[in-house]
Amino acid sequence: MNENLISYVIKGIIIGGSMLMPGVSGGTMAITLGIYDELIEGVNTLMARKTTKLLMLIATAVGGILGLLLLANPLLKLIELFPNPTMFFFIGAVVGGMPIMIKKSNQVAEGKKKAFGVDVVLYIASGFILVYLLSMIPEGTFIFDENAGVLSWIILIIAGIVAAVALVLPGISVSYMFLVLGIYEDVLLASLKSFDLGYLIPLGLGLLLGVALTTKSLETCMNKFPRATYNIIVGFIIASVIEAFPGLPENILEWVICPVLFIAGFGIIYALTLKEEKAV
């Protein structure tokens, strides 16, 4: 049991540390680490006043907070100094989780439907288009004055609810959502440098409320329409890979390093998903 909890803490650190990476989705990272379904189920059982998954949620949350505090600055520094190699590694990690996700979508084929058909293409395309449309929203659309008293709290709560959708749904980067809301730099400053509780508390309340609402809806979709839901999520992930793509390597050294890091990211996550599958 203790080893399992340590495993959840480590996975939480990876998810938390990656969440502020532009284009990288925390939900996608949870899928690649094999705990996405458990997290969704755990949040919903907690909302139903059941505590069967409480320790798992606490361990993952503690890891997520540690990841944000310990890894965010180094990761952001890596992006600043070595943008292409760093993003190629993360893209490889995201792609490494794709095989198990596609396998899941095939395993829930309903009735006598083929594992791959026209409906699957439409579902994947729907997920892809949704993320693409979201990426077309101009940055800073929801900029607001954080010194507007109670109104600023209300706006921060609403911002948290909106950001929670990106936090829960795979393929939608919460960092990009913060950019759209016009609060990306403010969140970094408040969480990583000044620990501004007057800013973080209402944003956190909105995130919690948004997570509760989104996870319940998502679990319902997974239970009633598993084939459609899993394939739409695959579309989310494909779109997130394209969104995170930093461009072609800029010099000969990067042409060597970037593919190596992509393969390394892919191999690490693919090996982890195989290990998780065997354990299950």
C-alpha atoms as a PDB file:
ATOM      1  CA  MET A   1       0.000   0.000   0.000  1.00  0.00           C
ATOM      2  CA  ASN A   2       2.806   2.417   0.920  1.00  0.00           C
ATOM      3  CA  GLU A   3       4.593   1.655  -2.359  1.00  0.00           C
ATOM      4  CA  ASN A   4       1.381   2.441  -4.254  1.00  0.00           C
ATOM      5  CA  LEU A   5       0.993   5.768  -2.449  1.00  0.00           C
ATOM      6  CA  ILE A   6       4.610   6.684  -3.210  1.00  0.00           C
ATOM      7  CA  SER A   7       3.931   5.823  -6.856  1.00  0.00           C
ATOM      8  CA  TYR A   8       0.930   8.201  -6.872  1.00  0.00           C
ATOM      9  CA  VAL A   9       3.015  10.965  -5.278  1.00  0.00           C
ATOM     10  CA  ILE A  10       5.691  10.564  -7.970  1.00  0.00           C
ATOM     11  CA  LYS A  11       3.086  10.607 -10.733  1.00  0.00           C
ATOM     12  CA  GLY A  12       1.486  13.663  -9.129  1.00  0.00           C
ATOM     13  CA  ILE A  13       4.879  15.419  -9.181  1.00  0.00           C
ATOM     14  CA  ILE A  14       5.216  14.698 -12.908  1.00  0.00           C
ATOM     15  CA  ILE A  15       1.663  15.928 -13.619  1.00  0.00           C
ATOM     16  CA  GLY A  16       2.059  19.042 -11.469  1.00  0.00           C
ATOM     17  CA  GLY A  17       5.440  19.924 -12.893  1.00  0.00           C
ATOM     18  CA  SER A  18       4.207  19.608 -16.468  1.00  0.00           C
ATOM     19  CA  MET A  19       0.932  21.520 -16.077  1.00  0.00           C
ATOM     20  CA  LEU A  20       2.478  24.954 -16.555  1.00  0.00           C
ATOM     21  CA  MET A  21       4.348  23.834 -19.676  1.00  0.00           C
ATOM     22  CA  PRO A  22       2.765  25.638 -22.643  1.00  0.00           C
ATOM     23  CA  GLY A  23       0.785  23.150 -24.728  1.00  0.00           C
ATOM     24  CA  VAL A  24       1.160  20.246 -22.271  1.00  0.00           C
ATOM     25  CA  SER A  25      -2.094  18.988 -20.761  1.00  0.00           C
ATOM     26  CA  GLY A  26      -2.206  17.703 -17.193  1.00  0.00           C
ATOM     27  CA  GLY A  27      -5.037  15.367 -18.198  1.00  0.00           C
ATOM     28  CA  THR A  28      -2.968  13.961 -21.050  1.00  0.00           C
ATOM     29  CA  MET A  29      -0.038  13.415 -18.695  1.00  0.00           C
ATOM     30  CA  ALA A  30      -2.357  11.602 -16.253  1.00  0.00           C
ATOM     31  CA  ILE A  31      -3.458   9.321 -19.118  1.00  0.00           C
ATOM     32  CA  THR A  32       0.119   8.588 -20.133  1.00  0.00           C
ATOM     33  CA  LEU A  33       0.888   7.665 -16.514  1.00  0.00           C
ATOM     34  CA  GLY A  34      -2.145   5.374 -16.372  1.00  0.00           C
ATOM     35  CA  ILE A  35      -4.082   7.074 -13.544  1.00  0.00           C
ATOM     36  CA  TYR A  36      -6.555   9.311 -15.387  1.00  0.00           C
ATOM     37  CA  ASP A  37      -9.585   7.021 -14.979  1.00  0.00           C
ATOM     38  CA  GLU A  38      -8.749   6.488 -11.306  1.00  0.00           C
ATOM     39  CA  LEU A  39      -8.544  10.232 -10.669  1.00  0.00           C
ATOM     40  CA  ILE A  40     -11.902  10.886 -12.338  1.00  0.00           C
ATOM     41  CA  GLU A  41     -13.535   8.052 -10.383  1.00  0.00           C
ATOM     42  CA  GLY A  42     -11.839   9.164  -7.169  1.00  0.00           C
ATOM     43  CA  VAL A  43     -13.076  12.761  -7.386  1.00  0.00           C
ATOM     44  CA  ASN A  44     -16.618  11.583  -8.058  1.00  0.00           C
ATOM     45  CA  THR A  45     -16.650   9.076  -5.188  1.00  0.00           C
ATOM     46  CA  LEU A  46     -15.369  11.832  -2.925  1.00  0.00           C
ATOM     47  CA  MET A  47     -18.200  14.106  -4.062  1.00  0.00           C
ATOM     48  CA  ALA A  48     -20.590  11.253  -3.241  1.00  0.00           C
ATOM     49  CA  ARG A  49     -19.131  11.220   0.306  1.00  0.00           C
ATOM     50  CA  LYS A  50     -17.286   7.957  -0.229  1.00  0.00           C
ATOM     51  CA  THR A  51     -13.648   7.761   0.812  1.00  0.00           C
ATOM     52  CA  THR A  52     -12.507   4.623  -1.031  1.00  0.00           C
ATOM     53  CA  LYS A  53     -10.124   6.612  -3.228  1.00  0.00           C
ATOM     54  CA  LEU A  54      -9.254   9.317  -0.693  1.00  0.00           C
ATOM     55  CA  LEU A  55      -5.659   8.221  -0.035  1.00  0.00           C
ATOM     56  CA  MET A  56      -4.942   7.984  -3.753  1.00  0.00           C
ATOM     57  CA  LEU A  57      -6.315  11.487  -4.334  1.00  0.00           C
ATOM     58  CA  ILE A  58      -4.360  12.939  -1.403  1.00  0.00           C
ATOM     59  CA  ALA A  59      -1.112  11.298  -2.543  1.00  0.00           C
ATOM     60  CA  THR A  60      -1.577  12.539  -6.123  1.00  0.00           C
ATOM     61  CA  ALA A  61      -2.564  16.041  -4.951  1.00  0.00           C
ATOM     62  CA  VAL A  62       0.482  16.266  -2.652  1.00  0.00           C
ATOM     63  CA  GLY A  63       2.669  15.182  -5.568  1.00  0.00           C
ATOM     64  CA  GLY A  64       1.002  17.728  -7.854  1.00  0.00           C
ATOM     65  CA  ILE A  65       1.649  20.576  -5.430  1.00  0.00           C
ATOM     66  CA  LEU A  66       5.263  19.473  -4.974  1.00  0.00           C
ATOM     67  CA  GLY A  67       5.658  19.285  -8.738  1.00  0.00           C
ATOM     68  CA  LEU A  68       4.354  22.817  -9.184  1.00  0.00           C
ATOM     69  CA  LEU A  69       6.616  24.207  -6.474  1.00  0.00           C
ATOM     70  CA  LEU A  70       9.773  22.222  -7.204  1.00  0.00           C
ATOM     71  CA  LEU A  71       9.751  21.649 -10.958  1.00  0.00           C
ATOM     72  CA  ALA A  72       7.900  24.569 -12.516  1.00  0.00           C
ATOM     73  CA  ASN A  73      10.806  27.031 -12.337  1.00  0.00           C
ATOM     74  CA  PRO A  74      13.431  24.564 -13.668  1.00  0.00           C
ATOM     75  CA  LEU A  75      11.087  23.414 -16.446  1.00  0.00           C
ATOM     76  CA  LEU A  76      10.247  26.961 -17.473  1.00  0.00           C
ATOM     77  CA  LYS A  77      13.970  27.753 -17.440  1.00  0.00           C
ATOM     78  CA  LEU A  78      14.628  24.773 -19.717  1.00  0.00           C
ATOM     79  CA  ILE A  79      11.967  26.032 -22.132  1.00  0.00           C
ATOM     80  CA  GLU A  80      13.584  29.460 -22.097  1.00  0.00           C
ATOM     81  CA  LEU A  81      17.111  28.130 -22.716  1.00  0.00           C
ATOM     82  CA  PHE A  82      16.389  25.005 -24.815  1.00  0.00           C
ATOM     83  CA  PRO A  83      12.823  25.373 -26.166  1.00  0.00           C
ATOM     84  CA  ASN A  84      12.952  22.846 -29.011  1.00  0.00           C
ATOM     85  CA  PRO A  85      14.702  19.935 -27.222  1.00  0.00           C
ATOM     86  CA  THR A  86      12.531  20.348 -24.107  1.00  0.00           C
ATOM     87  CA  MET A  87       9.252  20.389 -26.035  1.00  0.00           C
ATOM     88  CA  PHE A  88      10.327  17.452 -28.232  1.00  0.00           C
ATOM     89  CA  PHE A  89      10.843  15.401 -25.056  1.00  0.00           C
ATOM     90  CA  PHE A  90       7.372  16.276 -23.751  1.00  0.00           C
ATOM     91  CA  ILE A  91       5.748  15.644 -27.127  1.00  0.00           C
ATOM     92  CA  GLY A  92       7.429  12.231 -27.174  1.00  0.00           C
ATOM     93  CA  ALA A  93       6.033  11.565 -23.690  1.00  0.00           C
ATOM     94  CA  VAL A  94       2.508  12.496 -24.805  1.00  0.00           C
ATOM     95  CA  VAL A  95       2.750  10.346 -27.949  1.00  0.00           C
ATOM     96  CA  GLY A  96       4.080   7.487 -25.808  1.00  0.00           C
ATOM     97  CA  GLY A  97       0.726   7.344 -24.031  1.00  0.00           C
ATOM     98  CA  MET A  98      -1.270   7.198 -27.281  1.00  0.00           C
ATOM     99  CA  PRO A  99      -1.069   3.407 -27.924  1.00  0.00           C
ATOM    100  CA  ILE A 100      -2.719   2.511 -24.610  1.00  0.00           C
ATOM    101  CA  MET A 101      -5.383   5.175 -25.142  1.00  0.00           C
ATOM    102  CA  ILE A 102      -6.210   3.851 -28.620  1.00  0.00           C
ATOM    103  CA  LYS A 103      -6.303   0.336 -27.187  1.00  0.00           C
ATOM    104  CA  LYS A 104      -8.786   1.464 -24.552  1.00  0.00           C
ATOM    105  CA  SER A 105     -11.020   3.042 -27.190  1.00  0.00           C
ATOM    106  CA  ASN A 106     -10.956  -0.207 -29.181  1.00  0.00           C
ATOM    107  CA  GLN A 107     -11.717  -2.348 -26.127  1.00  0.00           C
ATOM    108  CA  VAL A 108     -14.976  -0.500 -25.483  1.00  0.00           C
ATOM    109  CA  ALA A 109     -16.300  -0.998 -29.018  1.00  0.00           C
ATOM    110  CA  GLU A 110     -20.055  -1.198 -28.570  1.00  0.00           C
ATOM    111  CA  GLY A 111     -22.008  -4.217 -29.727  1.00  0.00           C
ATOM    112  CA  LYS A 112     -20.660  -5.582 -32.987  1.00  0.00           C
ATOM    113  CA  LYS A 113     -19.135  -2.336 -34.203  1.00  0.00           C
ATOM    114  CA  LYS A 114     -15.671  -2.556 -35.681  1.00  0.00           C
ATOM    115  CA  ALA A 115     -12.827  -1.292 -33.542  1.00  0.00           C
ATOM    116  CA  PHE A 116     -12.133   1.292 -36.232  1.00  0.00           C
ATOM    117  CA  GLY A 117     -14.859   2.784 -38.420  1.00  0.00           C
ATOM    118  CA  VAL A 118     -16.299   6.008 -39.774  1.00  0.00           C
ATOM    119  CA  ASP A 119     -17.757   6.874 -36.365  1.00  0.00           C
ATOM    120  CA  VAL A 120     -14.287   6.656 -34.781  1.00  0.00           C
ATOM    121  CA  VAL A 121     -12.906   9.093 -37.372  1.00  0.00           C
ATOM    122  CA  LEU A 122     -15.773  11.508 -36.659  1.00  0.00           C
ATOM    123  CA  TYR A 123     -15.257  11.307 -32.889  1.00  0.00           C
ATOM    124  CA  ILE A 124     -11.489  11.917 -33.179  1.00  0.00           C
ATOM    125  CA  ALA A 125     -12.092  14.785 -35.622  1.00  0.00           C
ATOM    126  CA  SER A 126     -14.634  16.323 -33.206  1.00  0.00           C
ATOM    127  CA  GLY A 127     -12.114  16.317 -30.356  1.00  0.00           C
ATOM    128  CA  PHE A 128      -9.414  17.738 -32.619  1.00  0.00           C
ATOM    129  CA  ILE A 129     -11.646  20.536 -33.926  1.00  0.00           C
ATOM    130  CA  LEU A 130     -12.777  21.496 -30.399  1.00  0.00           C
ATOM    131  CA  VAL A 131      -9.202  22.036 -29.230  1.00  0.00           C
ATOM    132  CA  TYR A 132      -8.308  23.795 -32.487  1.00  0.00           C
ATOM    133  CA  LEU A 133     -11.214  26.239 -32.078  1.00  0.00           C
ATOM    134  CA  LEU A 134     -10.135  26.879 -28.497  1.00  0.00           C
ATOM    135  CA  SER A 135      -6.611  27.690 -29.714  1.00  0.00           C
ATOM    136  CA  MET A 136      -8.073  30.376 -32.009  1.00  0.00           C
ATOM    137  CA  ILE A 137      -9.306  32.460 -29.054  1.00  0.00           C
ATOM    138  CA  PRO A 138      -7.078  35.574 -28.844  1.00  0.00           C
ATOM    139  CA  GLU A 139      -4.812  35.664 -25.801  1.00  0.00           C
ATOM    140  CA  GLY A 140      -5.898  38.131 -23.133  1.00  0.00           C
ATOM    141  CA  THR A 141      -9.580  38.023 -24.089  1.00  0.00           C
ATOM    142  CA  PHE A 142     -10.588  37.923 -20.415  1.00  0.00           C
ATOM    143  CA  ILE A 143      -8.067  40.352 -18.924  1.00  0.00           C
ATOM    144  CA  PHE A 144      -9.433  41.943 -15.759  1.00  0.00           C
ATOM    145  CA  ASP A 145      -8.400  44.219 -12.880  1.00  0.00           C
ATOM    146  CA  GLU A 146      -7.459  42.049  -9.888  1.00  0.00           C
ATOM    147  CA  ASN A 147      -7.739  45.087  -7.568  1.00  0.00           C
ATOM    148  CA  ALA A 148     -11.485  45.527  -8.145  1.00  0.00           C
ATOM    149  CA  GLY A 149     -12.420  44.244  -4.674  1.00  0.00           C
ATOM    150  CA  VAL A 150     -15.155  41.582  -4.409  1.00  0.00           C
ATOM    151  CA  LEU A 151     -15.642  41.701  -8.168  1.00  0.00           C
ATOM    152  CA  SER A 152     -12.053  40.533  -8.664  1.00  0.00           C
ATOM    153  CA  TRP A 153     -12.746  37.503  -6.420  1.00  0.00           C
ATOM    154  CA  ILE A 154     -15.852  36.645  -8.445  1.00  0.00           C
ATOM    155  CA  ILE A 155     -13.930  36.951 -11.704  1.00  0.00           C
ATOM    156  CA  LEU A 156     -11.070  34.827 -10.331  1.00  0.00           C
ATOM    157  CA  ILE A 157     -13.546  32.125  -9.252  1.00  0.00           C
ATOM    158  CA  ILE A 158     -15.086  32.139 -12.740  1.00  0.00           C
ATOM    159  CA  ALA A 159     -11.592  32.008 -14.253  1.00  0.00           C
ATOM    160  CA  GLY A 160     -10.828  29.001 -12.028  1.00  0.00           C
ATOM    161  CA  ILE A 161     -13.971  27.197 -13.168  1.00  0.00           C
ATOM    162  CA  VAL A 162     -13.084  27.770 -16.831  1.00  0.00           C
ATOM    163  CA  ALA A 163      -9.470  26.697 -16.280  1.00  0.00           C
ATOM    164  CA  ALA A 164     -10.682  23.535 -14.501  1.00  0.00           C
ATOM    165  CA  VAL A 165     -12.180  22.326 -17.774  1.00  0.00           C
ATOM    166  CA  ALA A 166      -8.669  22.386 -19.270  1.00  0.00           C
ATOM    167  CA  LEU A 167      -7.286  20.824 -16.091  1.00  0.00           C
ATOM    168  CA  VAL A 168      -9.619  17.817 -16.327  1.00  0.00           C
ATOM    169  CA  LEU A 169     -10.007  17.302 -20.075  1.00  0.00           C
ATOM    170  CA  PRO A 170      -6.980  15.677 -21.740  1.00  0.00           C
ATOM    171  CA  GLY A 171      -5.429  17.532 -24.647  1.00  0.00           C
ATOM    172  CA  ILE A 172      -6.352  21.031 -23.434  1.00  0.00           C
ATOM    173  CA  SER A 173      -3.429  22.771 -21.774  1.00  0.00           C
ATOM    174  CA  VAL A 174      -4.315  24.591 -18.558  1.00  0.00           C
ATOM    175  CA  SER A 175      -1.351  26.911 -19.168  1.00  0.00           C
ATOM    176  CA  TYR A 176      -2.865  27.899 -22.511  1.00  0.00           C
ATOM    177  CA  MET A 177      -6.233  28.466 -20.823  1.00  0.00           C
ATOM    178  CA  PHE A 178      -4.531  30.800 -18.344  1.00  0.00           C
ATOM    179  CA  LEU A 179      -3.041  32.651 -21.322  1.00  0.00           C
ATOM    180  CA  VAL A 180      -6.495  32.997 -22.890  1.00  0.00           C
ATOM    181  CA  LEU A 181      -7.879  34.341 -19.618  1.00  0.00           C
ATOM    182  CA  GLY A 182      -5.018  36.834 -19.443  1.00  0.00           C
ATOM    183  CA  ILE A 183      -3.731  35.573 -16.077  1.00  0.00           C
ATOM    184  CA  TYR A 184      -0.815  33.277 -17.025  1.00  0.00           C
ATOM    185  CA  GLU A 185       1.926  35.606 -15.742  1.00  0.00           C
ATOM    186  CA  ASP A 186      -0.151  36.565 -12.689  1.00  0.00           C
ATOM    187  CA  VAL A 187      -0.623  32.872 -11.769  1.00  0.00           C
ATOM    188  CA  LEU A 188       3.111  32.231 -12.107  1.00  0.00           C
ATOM    189  CA  LEU A 189       3.927  35.265  -9.976  1.00  0.00           C
ATOM    190  CA  ALA A 190       1.297  34.485  -7.309  1.00  0.00           C
ATOM    191  CA  SER A 191       2.072  30.760  -7.027  1.00  0.00           C
ATOM    192  CA  LEU A 192       5.816  30.525  -7.574  1.00  0.00           C
ATOM    193  CA  LYS A 193       7.188  33.793  -6.171  1.00  0.00           C
ATOM    194  CA  SER A 194       4.911  35.852  -3.938  1.00  0.00           C
ATOM    195  CA  PHE A 195       2.441  33.161  -2.709  1.00  0.00           C
ATOM    196  CA  ASP A 196      -0.354  35.723  -2.916  1.00  0.00           C
ATOM    197  CA  LEU A 197      -3.206  33.989  -1.048  1.00  0.00           C
ATOM    198  CA  GLY A 198      -5.643  36.794  -1.891  1.00  0.00           C
ATOM    199  CA  TYR A 199      -5.165  35.794  -5.519  1.00  0.00           C
ATOM    200  CA  LEU A 200      -4.717  32.027  -5.175  1.00  0.00           C
ATOM    201  CA  ILE A 201      -7.648  31.279  -2.826  1.00  0.00           C
ATOM    202  CA  PRO A 202     -10.499  32.463  -5.106  1.00  0.00           C
ATOM    203  CA  LEU A 203      -8.769  30.957  -8.144  1.00  0.00           C
ATOM    204  CA  GLY A 204      -8.377  27.683  -6.238  1.00  0.00           C
ATOM    205  CA  LEU A 205     -12.042  27.713  -5.171  1.00  0.00           C
ATOM    206  CA  GLY A 206     -13.051  28.126  -8.795  1.00  0.00           C
ATOM    207  CA  LEU A 207     -10.745  25.286  -9.834  1.00  0.00           C
ATOM    208  CA  LEU A 208     -12.219  22.955  -7.197  1.00  0.00           C
ATOM    209  CA  LEU A 209     -15.777  23.794  -8.236  1.00  0.00           C
ATOM    210  CA  GLY A 210     -14.929  23.389 -11.912  1.00  0.00           C
ATOM    211  CA  VAL A 211     -13.193  20.052 -11.313  1.00  0.00           C
ATOM    212  CA  ALA A 212     -16.216  18.741  -9.377  1.00  0.00           C
ATOM    213  CA  LEU A 213     -18.601  19.716 -12.180  1.00  0.00           C
ATOM    214  CA  THR A 214     -16.385  18.553 -15.040  1.00  0.00           C
ATOM    215  CA  THR A 215     -15.357  15.175 -13.607  1.00  0.00           C
ATOM    216  CA  LYS A 216     -18.957  14.186 -12.894  1.00  0.00           C
ATOM    217  CA  SER A 217     -19.987  14.998 -16.450  1.00  0.00           C
ATOM    218  CA  LEU A 218     -16.955  13.219 -17.868  1.00  0.00           C
ATOM    219  CA  GLU A 219     -17.516  10.044 -15.831  1.00  0.00           C
ATOM    220  CA  THR A 220     -21.149   9.976 -16.999  1.00  0.00           C
ATOM    221  CA  CYS A 221     -19.976  10.203 -20.621  1.00  0.00           C
ATOM    222  CA  MET A 222     -17.373   7.481 -20.060  1.00  0.00           C
ATOM    223  CA  ASN A 223     -19.997   5.157 -18.599  1.00  0.00           C
ATOM    224  CA  LYS A 224     -22.790   5.828 -21.106  1.00  0.00           C
ATOM    225  CA  PHE A 225     -20.803   6.596 -24.265  1.00  0.00           C
ATOM    226  CA  PRO A 226     -17.350   5.042 -23.745  1.00  0.00           C
ATOM    227  CA  ARG A 227     -16.506   4.559 -27.429  1.00  0.00           C
ATOM    228  CA  ALA A 228     -17.311   8.165 -28.328  1.00  0.00           C
ATOM    229  CA  THR A 229     -15.687   9.627 -25.196  1.00  0.00           C
ATOM    230  CA  TYR A 230     -12.371   7.791 -25.490  1.00  0.00           C
ATOM    231  CA  ASN A 231     -12.039   8.611 -29.185  1.00  0.00           C
ATOM    232  CA  ILE A 232     -12.884  12.290 -28.646  1.00  0.00           C
ATOM    233  CA  ILE A 233     -10.129  12.307 -26.000  1.00  0.00           C
ATOM    234  CA  VAL A 234      -7.761  10.811 -28.600  1.00  0.00           C
ATOM    235  CA  GLY A 235      -8.663  13.809 -30.786  1.00  0.00           C
ATOM    236  CA  PHE A 236      -7.879  16.119 -27.873  1.00  0.00           C
ATOM    237  CA  ILE A 237      -4.445  14.529 -27.481  1.00  0.00           C
ATOM    238  CA  ILE A 238      -3.587  14.712 -31.194  1.00  0.00           C
ATOM    239  CA  ALA A 239      -4.501  18.395 -31.196  1.00  0.00           C
ATOM    240  CA  SER A 240      -2.412  19.012 -28.068  1.00  0.00           C
ATOM    241  CA  VAL A 241       0.644  17.482 -29.750  1.00  0.00           C
ATOM    242  CA  ILE A 242       0.242  19.841 -32.711  1.00  0.00           C
ATOM    243  CA  GLU A 243      -0.315  22.801 -30.360  1.00  0.00           C
ATOM    244  CA  ALA A 244       2.837  21.954 -28.399  1.00  0.00           C
ATOM    245  CA  PHE A 245       5.027  21.458 -31.505  1.00  0.00           C
ATOM    246  CA  PRO A 246       7.724  24.174 -31.265  1.00  0.00           C
ATOM    247  CA  GLY A 247       8.828  24.022 -34.890  1.00  0.00           C
ATOM    248  CA  LEU A 248      11.670  22.263 -36.671  1.00  0.00           C
ATOM    249  CA  PRO A 249      15.122  22.091 -35.037  1.00  0.00           C
ATOM    250  CA  GLU A 250      17.174  25.200 -35.709  1.00  0.00           C
ATOM    251  CA  ASN A 251      20.676  23.763 -36.152  1.00  0.00           C
ATOM    252  CA  ILE A 252      22.575  20.518 -36.745  1.00  0.00           C
ATOM    253  CA  LEU A 253      22.999  19.810 -33.032  1.00  0.00           C
ATOM    254  CA  GLU A 254      19.244  20.165 -32.425  1.00  0.00           C
ATOM    255  CA  TRP A 255      18.529  17.878 -35.393  1.00  0.00           C
ATOM    256  CA  VAL A 256      20.431  15.208 -33.446  1.00  0.00           C
ATOM    257  CA  ILE A 257      19.223  16.003 -29.912  1.00  0.00           C
ATOM    258  CA  CYS A 258      15.511  16.595 -30.609  1.00  0.00           C
ATOM    259  CA  PRO A 259      14.786  13.157 -32.153  1.00  0.00           C
ATOM    260  CA  VAL A 260      16.772  11.466 -29.376  1.00  0.00           C
ATOM    261  CA  LEU A 261      14.780  13.290 -26.678  1.00  0.00           C
ATOM    262  CA  PHE A 262      11.509  12.555 -28.503  1.00  0.00           C
ATOM    263  CA  ILE A 263      12.349   8.834 -28.550  1.00  0.00           C
ATOM    264  CA  ALA A 264      13.432   9.003 -24.891  1.00  0.00           C
ATOM    265  CA  GLY A 265      10.145  10.641 -23.850  1.00  0.00           C
ATOM    266  CA  PHE A 266       8.147   8.151 -25.899  1.00  0.00           C
ATOM    267  CA  GLY A 267      10.074   5.161 -24.552  1.00  0.00           C
ATOM    268  CA  ILE A 268       9.798   6.167 -20.893  1.00  0.00           C
ATOM    269  CA  ILE A 269       6.034   6.727 -20.978  1.00  0.00           C
ATOM    270  CA  TYR A 270       5.307   3.734 -23.225  1.00  0.00           C
ATOM    271  CA  ALA A 271       7.269   1.485 -20.856  1.00  0.00           C
ATOM    272  CA  LEU A 272       5.355   2.912 -17.884  1.00  0.00           C
ATOM    273  CA  THR A 273       1.980   2.289 -19.552  1.00  0.00           C
ATOM    274  CA  LEU A 274       2.967  -1.314 -20.383  1.00  0.00           C
ATOM    275  CA  LYS A 275       4.015  -1.838 -16.777  1.00  0.00           C
ATOM    276  CA  GLU A 276       0.728  -0.370 -15.508  1.00  0.00           C
ATOM    277  CA  GLU A 277      -1.258  -2.563 -17.918  1.00  0.00           C
ATOM    278  CA  LYS A 278       0.516  -5.722 -16.762  1.00  0.00           C
ATOM    279  CA  ALA A 279      -0.032  -4.752 -13.123  1.00  0.00           C
ATOM    280  CA  VAL A 280      -3.765  -4.354 -13.774  1.00  0.00           C
END
